């Protein structure tokens, strides 16, 4: 069954089944493909773009990358993944749901999450804590 948005339109982006990545080279290739997909499908004036990782054991992790940071929005039902993020980032958990990690942790983060991901979906218009929560 096709899910509809509140306005009755079908969703713009559909979940893509995930295949676990095993090496840093696999992750680098995925990052390149993800960046290409963003360039092809996200308009210049759109904000809040990134990827939603739907985790097989429950919950979602939204990720946006900037020039110098990785921003993660972890949904309450995915809080169980926090110890993995702490281990990858070597940082304390945030007070809220928004994590800000150094950009040099991206490959390790994706490798760590890889076996836990069920699917990915491109997103636009996601808040990513822009209201000052990080």
N, C-alpha and C. Protein backbone atom coordinates (compact mmCIF):
# COMPACT_ATOMS: atom_id res chain seq x y z
N UNK A 1 0.84 -1.18 0.00
CA UNK A 1 0.00 0.00 0.00
C UNK A 1 0.88 1.23 0.00
N UNK A 2 0.53 2.19 -0.79
CA UNK A 2 1.29 3.42 -0.90
C UNK A 2 0.85 4.38 0.21
N UNK A 3 1.80 4.90 0.97
CA UNK A 3 1.48 5.85 2.03
C UNK A 3 1.32 7.24 1.43
N UNK A 4 0.36 7.98 1.96
CA UNK A 4 0.12 9.34 1.47
C UNK A 4 0.51 10.34 2.54
N UNK A 5 0.98 11.49 2.11
CA UNK A 5 1.26 12.57 3.04
C UNK A 5 -0.05 13.20 3.46
N UNK A 6 0.00 14.12 4.41
CA UNK A 6 -1.20 14.78 4.92
C UNK A 6 -1.99 15.46 3.81
N UNK A 7 -1.31 15.94 2.79
CA UNK A 7 -2.02 16.64 1.71
C UNK A 7 -2.55 15.68 0.65
N UNK A 8 -2.43 14.36 0.90
CA UNK A 8 -2.95 13.36 -0.03
C UNK A 8 -1.98 12.97 -1.12
N UNK A 9 -0.84 13.63 -1.22
CA UNK A 9 0.14 13.30 -2.26
C UNK A 9 1.03 12.14 -1.80
N UNK A 10 1.46 11.30 -2.74
CA UNK A 10 2.38 10.23 -2.35
C UNK A 10 3.70 10.82 -1.87
N UNK A 11 4.45 10.09 -1.05
CA UNK A 11 5.73 10.62 -0.58
C UNK A 11 6.69 10.85 -1.75
N UNK A 12 7.51 11.86 -1.60
CA UNK A 12 8.46 12.21 -2.66
C UNK A 12 9.58 11.19 -2.77
N UNK A 13 10.06 10.69 -1.63
CA UNK A 13 11.14 9.72 -1.62
C UNK A 13 10.67 8.43 -0.99
N UNK A 14 11.13 7.34 -1.52
CA UNK A 14 10.74 6.02 -1.02
C UNK A 14 11.91 5.34 -0.33
N UNK A 15 11.60 4.50 0.67
CA UNK A 15 12.67 3.76 1.33
C UNK A 15 13.41 2.85 0.35
N UNK A 16 14.72 2.77 0.54
CA UNK A 16 15.57 1.90 -0.26
C UNK A 16 16.13 0.83 0.67
N UNK A 17 15.89 -0.45 0.35
CA UNK A 17 16.43 -1.51 1.21
C UNK A 17 17.94 -1.37 1.35
N UNK A 18 18.45 -1.66 2.52
CA UNK A 18 19.86 -1.48 2.84
C UNK A 18 20.60 -2.80 2.70
N UNK A 19 21.77 -2.74 2.14
CA UNK A 19 22.70 -3.85 2.11
C UNK A 19 23.88 -3.46 2.98
N UNK A 20 24.19 -4.28 3.98
CA UNK A 20 25.24 -3.94 4.93
C UNK A 20 26.56 -3.68 4.21
N UNK A 21 27.24 -2.64 4.67
CA UNK A 21 28.54 -2.26 4.13
C UNK A 21 29.61 -2.88 5.02
N UNK A 22 30.67 -3.39 4.42
CA UNK A 22 31.64 -4.14 5.20
C UNK A 22 33.01 -3.48 5.31
N UNK A 23 33.34 -2.56 4.42
CA UNK A 23 34.67 -1.96 4.45
C UNK A 23 34.57 -0.44 4.34
N UNK A 24 35.61 0.28 4.73
CA UNK A 24 35.60 1.73 4.52
C UNK A 24 35.39 2.10 3.05
N UNK A 25 35.93 1.31 2.14
CA UNK A 25 35.73 1.59 0.71
C UNK A 25 34.25 1.48 0.33
N UNK A 26 33.54 0.48 0.89
CA UNK A 26 32.09 0.36 0.66
C UNK A 26 31.37 1.62 1.14
N UNK A 27 31.77 2.12 2.31
CA UNK A 27 31.13 3.31 2.88
C UNK A 27 31.42 4.53 2.01
N UNK A 28 32.66 4.67 1.57
CA UNK A 28 33.01 5.81 0.70
C UNK A 28 32.17 5.79 -0.58
N UNK A 29 31.95 4.61 -1.15
CA UNK A 29 31.12 4.50 -2.34
C UNK A 29 29.68 4.89 -2.03
N UNK A 30 29.15 4.42 -0.89
CA UNK A 30 27.79 4.78 -0.50
C UNK A 30 27.67 6.29 -0.31
N UNK A 31 28.65 6.91 0.34
CA UNK A 31 28.64 8.36 0.56
C UNK A 31 28.60 9.09 -0.78
N UNK A 32 29.40 8.66 -1.73
CA UNK A 32 29.41 9.29 -3.06
C UNK A 32 28.05 9.16 -3.73
N UNK A 33 27.44 7.97 -3.65
CA UNK A 33 26.12 7.76 -4.26
C UNK A 33 25.05 8.60 -3.56
N UNK A 34 25.13 8.67 -2.23
CA UNK A 34 24.19 9.46 -1.44
C UNK A 34 24.30 10.95 -1.81
N UNK A 35 25.54 11.45 -1.92
CA UNK A 35 25.74 12.86 -2.30
C UNK A 35 25.20 13.14 -3.70
N UNK A 36 25.41 12.21 -4.62
CA UNK A 36 24.88 12.36 -5.97
C UNK A 36 23.35 12.40 -5.96
N UNK A 37 22.73 11.52 -5.18
CA UNK A 37 21.27 11.49 -5.08
C UNK A 37 20.75 12.81 -4.52
N UNK A 38 21.43 13.36 -3.52
CA UNK A 38 21.01 14.66 -2.98
C UNK A 38 21.10 15.75 -4.04
N UNK A 39 22.21 15.76 -4.80
CA UNK A 39 22.38 16.77 -5.84
C UNK A 39 21.30 16.66 -6.91
N UNK A 40 20.90 15.43 -7.24
CA UNK A 40 19.91 15.21 -8.29
C UNK A 40 18.48 15.50 -7.85
N UNK A 41 18.18 15.30 -6.56
CA UNK A 41 16.78 15.31 -6.13
C UNK A 41 16.39 16.42 -5.17
N UNK A 42 17.35 17.17 -4.67
CA UNK A 42 17.04 18.23 -3.71
C UNK A 42 17.25 19.57 -4.39
N UNK A 43 16.23 20.42 -4.31
CA UNK A 43 16.29 21.74 -4.92
C UNK A 43 17.23 22.67 -4.17
N UNK A 44 17.72 23.68 -4.87
CA UNK A 44 18.69 24.62 -4.30
C UNK A 44 18.13 25.38 -3.10
N UNK A 45 16.83 25.61 -3.06
CA UNK A 45 16.24 26.37 -1.97
C UNK A 45 15.68 25.49 -0.85
N UNK A 46 15.82 24.19 -0.99
CA UNK A 46 15.30 23.29 0.05
C UNK A 46 16.28 23.20 1.21
N UNK A 47 15.74 23.05 2.40
CA UNK A 47 16.56 22.92 3.60
C UNK A 47 16.16 21.63 4.32
N UNK A 48 16.92 21.29 5.35
CA UNK A 48 16.60 20.12 6.15
C UNK A 48 16.74 18.83 5.38
N UNK A 49 17.69 18.77 4.46
CA UNK A 49 17.85 17.57 3.65
C UNK A 49 18.91 16.65 4.26
N UNK A 50 18.71 15.38 4.03
CA UNK A 50 19.62 14.37 4.56
C UNK A 50 19.09 12.99 4.26
N UNK A 51 19.38 12.07 5.16
CA UNK A 51 18.94 10.69 4.98
C UNK A 51 18.35 10.19 6.29
N UNK A 52 17.31 9.38 6.16
CA UNK A 52 16.73 8.71 7.32
C UNK A 52 17.14 7.25 7.26
N UNK A 53 17.81 6.80 8.32
CA UNK A 53 18.14 5.39 8.46
C UNK A 53 17.04 4.77 9.32
N UNK A 54 16.28 3.85 8.75
CA UNK A 54 15.30 3.11 9.53
C UNK A 54 16.00 1.87 10.05
N UNK A 55 16.01 1.73 11.37
CA UNK A 55 16.75 0.64 12.00
C UNK A 55 15.87 -0.61 12.10
N UNK A 56 16.45 -1.76 11.84
CA UNK A 56 15.71 -3.02 11.82
C UNK A 56 15.07 -3.33 13.17
N UNK A 57 15.73 -2.97 14.26
CA UNK A 57 15.21 -3.25 15.59
C UNK A 57 14.28 -2.16 16.11
N UNK A 58 14.04 -1.14 15.30
CA UNK A 58 13.09 -0.09 15.67
C UNK A 58 13.73 1.28 15.76
N UNK A 59 13.01 2.26 15.26
CA UNK A 59 13.43 3.64 15.34
C UNK A 59 14.12 4.13 14.08
N UNK A 60 14.36 5.43 14.06
CA UNK A 60 14.99 6.09 12.93
C UNK A 60 16.10 7.00 13.41
N UNK A 61 17.13 7.10 12.60
CA UNK A 61 18.21 8.06 12.82
C UNK A 61 18.27 8.91 11.55
N UNK A 62 18.02 10.21 11.71
CA UNK A 62 18.11 11.15 10.60
C UNK A 62 19.52 11.72 10.61
N UNK A 63 20.15 11.81 9.45
CA UNK A 63 21.51 12.31 9.37
C UNK A 63 21.62 13.40 8.32
N UNK A 64 22.31 14.47 8.70
CA UNK A 64 22.65 15.54 7.76
C UNK A 64 24.14 15.81 7.95
N UNK A 65 24.84 16.00 6.85
CA UNK A 65 26.25 16.34 6.95
C UNK A 65 26.44 17.79 6.51
N UNK A 66 27.39 18.46 7.16
CA UNK A 66 27.77 19.82 6.79
C UNK A 66 29.25 19.77 6.45
N UNK A 67 29.83 20.93 6.19
CA UNK A 67 31.25 20.97 5.86
C UNK A 67 32.15 20.49 7.00
N UNK A 68 31.66 20.59 8.24
CA UNK A 68 32.52 20.22 9.35
C UNK A 68 31.84 19.40 10.45
N UNK A 69 30.62 18.94 10.20
CA UNK A 69 29.91 18.20 11.24
C UNK A 69 28.93 17.19 10.65
N UNK A 70 28.60 16.22 11.48
CA UNK A 70 27.53 15.27 11.19
C UNK A 70 26.45 15.57 12.21
N UNK A 71 25.24 15.81 11.76
CA UNK A 71 24.13 16.09 12.66
C UNK A 71 23.20 14.88 12.61
N UNK A 72 22.96 14.30 13.78
CA UNK A 72 22.06 13.15 13.89
C UNK A 72 20.87 13.54 14.74
N UNK A 73 19.69 13.16 14.28
CA UNK A 73 18.46 13.31 15.05
C UNK A 73 17.97 11.90 15.31
N UNK A 74 18.08 11.45 16.54
CA UNK A 74 17.73 10.08 16.92
C UNK A 74 16.32 10.09 17.51
N UNK A 75 15.40 9.34 16.90
CA UNK A 75 14.04 9.31 17.41
C UNK A 75 14.01 8.54 18.74
N UNK A 76 13.01 8.82 19.58
CA UNK A 76 12.96 8.17 20.89
C UNK A 76 13.01 6.64 20.82
N UNK A 77 12.38 6.05 19.81
CA UNK A 77 12.39 4.58 19.72
C UNK A 77 13.70 4.03 19.17
N UNK A 78 14.66 4.91 18.86
CA UNK A 78 15.99 4.47 18.41
C UNK A 78 17.07 4.84 19.43
N UNK A 79 16.67 5.30 20.61
CA UNK A 79 17.66 5.70 21.61
C UNK A 79 18.58 4.56 22.02
N UNK A 80 18.16 3.33 21.77
CA UNK A 80 18.98 2.17 22.10
C UNK A 80 20.32 2.17 21.35
N UNK A 81 20.42 2.94 20.26
CA UNK A 81 21.65 2.99 19.46
C UNK A 81 22.67 3.99 20.03
N UNK A 82 22.29 4.72 21.07
CA UNK A 82 23.18 5.74 21.64
C UNK A 82 24.56 5.20 22.04
N UNK A 83 24.67 4.03 22.68
CA UNK A 83 26.02 3.56 23.04
C UNK A 83 26.94 3.38 21.82
N UNK A 84 26.40 2.99 20.70
CA UNK A 84 27.21 2.85 19.49
C UNK A 84 27.70 4.23 19.03
N UNK A 85 26.81 5.21 19.05
CA UNK A 85 27.20 6.56 18.63
C UNK A 85 28.26 7.11 19.58
N UNK A 86 28.09 6.89 20.88
CA UNK A 86 29.08 7.33 21.86
C UNK A 86 30.44 6.70 21.57
N UNK A 87 30.44 5.40 21.27
CA UNK A 87 31.70 4.71 20.99
C UNK A 87 32.36 5.24 19.73
N UNK A 88 31.59 5.48 18.68
CA UNK A 88 32.14 5.98 17.42
C UNK A 88 32.67 7.40 17.60
N UNK A 89 31.87 8.25 18.25
CA UNK A 89 32.23 9.67 18.35
C UNK A 89 33.17 9.95 19.52
N UNK A 90 33.30 9.01 20.43
CA UNK A 90 34.09 9.22 21.64
C UNK A 90 33.64 10.51 22.32
N UNK A 91 32.31 10.64 22.48
CA UNK A 91 31.71 11.83 23.05
C UNK A 91 30.56 11.45 23.97
N UNK A 92 30.19 12.38 24.82
CA UNK A 92 29.05 12.18 25.71
C UNK A 92 27.75 12.35 24.93
N UNK A 93 26.69 11.62 25.32
CA UNK A 93 25.39 11.82 24.66
C UNK A 93 24.89 13.24 24.88
N UNK A 94 24.13 13.77 23.93
CA UNK A 94 23.57 15.12 24.09
C UNK A 94 22.42 15.11 25.09
N UNK A 95 22.00 16.29 25.52
CA UNK A 95 20.87 16.39 26.43
C UNK A 95 19.55 16.09 25.72
N UNK A 96 19.51 16.30 24.42
CA UNK A 96 18.31 16.04 23.64
C UNK A 96 18.55 14.95 22.62
N UNK A 97 17.78 15.00 21.54
CA UNK A 97 17.87 13.98 20.50
C UNK A 97 18.90 14.31 19.43
N UNK A 98 19.43 15.54 19.43
CA UNK A 98 20.33 15.99 18.36
C UNK A 98 21.78 15.78 18.77
N UNK A 99 22.49 15.01 17.97
CA UNK A 99 23.91 14.76 18.16
C UNK A 99 24.67 15.58 17.12
N UNK A 100 25.78 16.18 17.51
CA UNK A 100 26.65 16.87 16.57
C UNK A 100 28.02 16.22 16.72
N UNK A 101 28.45 15.56 15.65
CA UNK A 101 29.70 14.81 15.65
C UNK A 101 30.69 15.43 14.68
N UNK A 102 31.98 15.25 14.91
CA UNK A 102 32.97 15.73 13.94
C UNK A 102 32.81 15.00 12.61
N UNK A 103 33.02 15.72 11.52
CA UNK A 103 32.83 15.12 10.19
C UNK A 103 33.79 13.97 9.91
N UNK A 104 34.90 13.89 10.63
CA UNK A 104 35.84 12.80 10.37
C UNK A 104 35.39 11.47 10.96
N UNK A 105 34.22 11.45 11.59
CA UNK A 105 33.66 10.21 12.15
C UNK A 105 32.63 9.56 11.23
N UNK A 106 32.40 10.13 10.05
CA UNK A 106 31.32 9.65 9.18
C UNK A 106 31.51 8.20 8.75
N UNK A 107 32.68 7.83 8.27
CA UNK A 107 32.89 6.45 7.81
C UNK A 107 32.71 5.48 8.96
N UNK A 108 33.29 5.78 10.13
CA UNK A 108 33.13 4.89 11.27
C UNK A 108 31.67 4.79 11.70
N UNK A 109 30.94 5.90 11.67
CA UNK A 109 29.53 5.89 12.05
C UNK A 109 28.72 4.98 11.13
N UNK A 110 28.90 5.14 9.82
CA UNK A 110 28.14 4.33 8.87
C UNK A 110 28.52 2.86 9.01
N UNK A 111 29.81 2.56 9.18
CA UNK A 111 30.22 1.17 9.39
C UNK A 111 29.58 0.60 10.65
N UNK A 112 29.55 1.39 11.72
CA UNK A 112 28.97 0.93 12.98
C UNK A 112 27.48 0.68 12.87
N UNK A 113 26.77 1.54 12.18
CA UNK A 113 25.33 1.40 12.02
C UNK A 113 24.93 0.37 10.96
N UNK A 114 25.84 0.05 10.07
CA UNK A 114 25.52 -0.69 8.85
C UNK A 114 24.70 -1.96 9.07
N UNK A 115 25.07 -2.78 10.02
CA UNK A 115 24.34 -4.04 10.21
C UNK A 115 23.01 -3.84 10.92
N UNK A 116 22.74 -2.63 11.40
CA UNK A 116 21.50 -2.33 12.13
C UNK A 116 20.44 -1.70 11.24
N UNK A 117 20.82 -1.26 10.04
CA UNK A 117 19.93 -0.51 9.16
C UNK A 117 19.08 -1.44 8.32
N UNK A 118 17.80 -1.12 8.25
CA UNK A 118 16.87 -1.86 7.39
C UNK A 118 16.70 -1.17 6.04
N UNK A 119 16.58 0.17 6.07
CA UNK A 119 16.40 0.93 4.82
C UNK A 119 16.84 2.36 5.03
N UNK A 120 17.01 3.07 3.90
CA UNK A 120 17.32 4.49 3.92
C UNK A 120 16.30 5.22 3.07
N UNK A 121 16.05 6.48 3.42
CA UNK A 121 15.14 7.32 2.66
C UNK A 121 15.72 8.73 2.65
N UNK A 122 15.81 9.34 1.48
CA UNK A 122 16.19 10.75 1.43
C UNK A 122 15.09 11.57 2.09
N UNK A 123 15.46 12.64 2.77
CA UNK A 123 14.48 13.52 3.39
C UNK A 123 14.80 14.97 3.05
N UNK A 124 13.76 15.78 3.00
CA UNK A 124 13.91 17.23 2.91
C UNK A 124 12.93 17.84 3.90
N UNK A 125 13.26 19.02 4.38
CA UNK A 125 12.37 19.72 5.30
C UNK A 125 12.44 19.20 6.74
N UNK A 126 13.43 18.39 7.07
CA UNK A 126 13.57 17.89 8.44
C UNK A 126 14.23 18.99 9.29
N UNK A 127 13.82 19.11 10.53
CA UNK A 127 14.28 20.20 11.39
C UNK A 127 15.77 20.11 11.73
N UNK A 128 16.29 18.94 12.05
CA UNK A 128 17.71 18.76 12.43
C UNK A 128 18.14 19.75 13.51
N UNK A 129 17.24 20.08 14.41
CA UNK A 129 17.60 20.90 15.56
C UNK A 129 17.92 22.35 15.24
N UNK A 130 17.43 22.89 14.18
CA UNK A 130 17.77 24.25 13.78
C UNK A 130 17.26 25.29 14.79
N UNK A 131 16.42 24.90 15.70
CA UNK A 131 15.88 25.88 16.66
C UNK A 131 16.80 26.07 17.85
N UNK A 132 18.06 25.76 17.68
CA UNK A 132 19.04 26.04 18.74
C UNK A 132 19.22 24.93 19.75
N UNK A 133 18.78 23.72 19.43
CA UNK A 133 18.94 22.62 20.39
C UNK A 133 20.33 22.00 20.35
N UNK A 134 21.21 22.52 19.51
CA UNK A 134 22.60 22.06 19.51
C UNK A 134 23.45 23.21 19.37
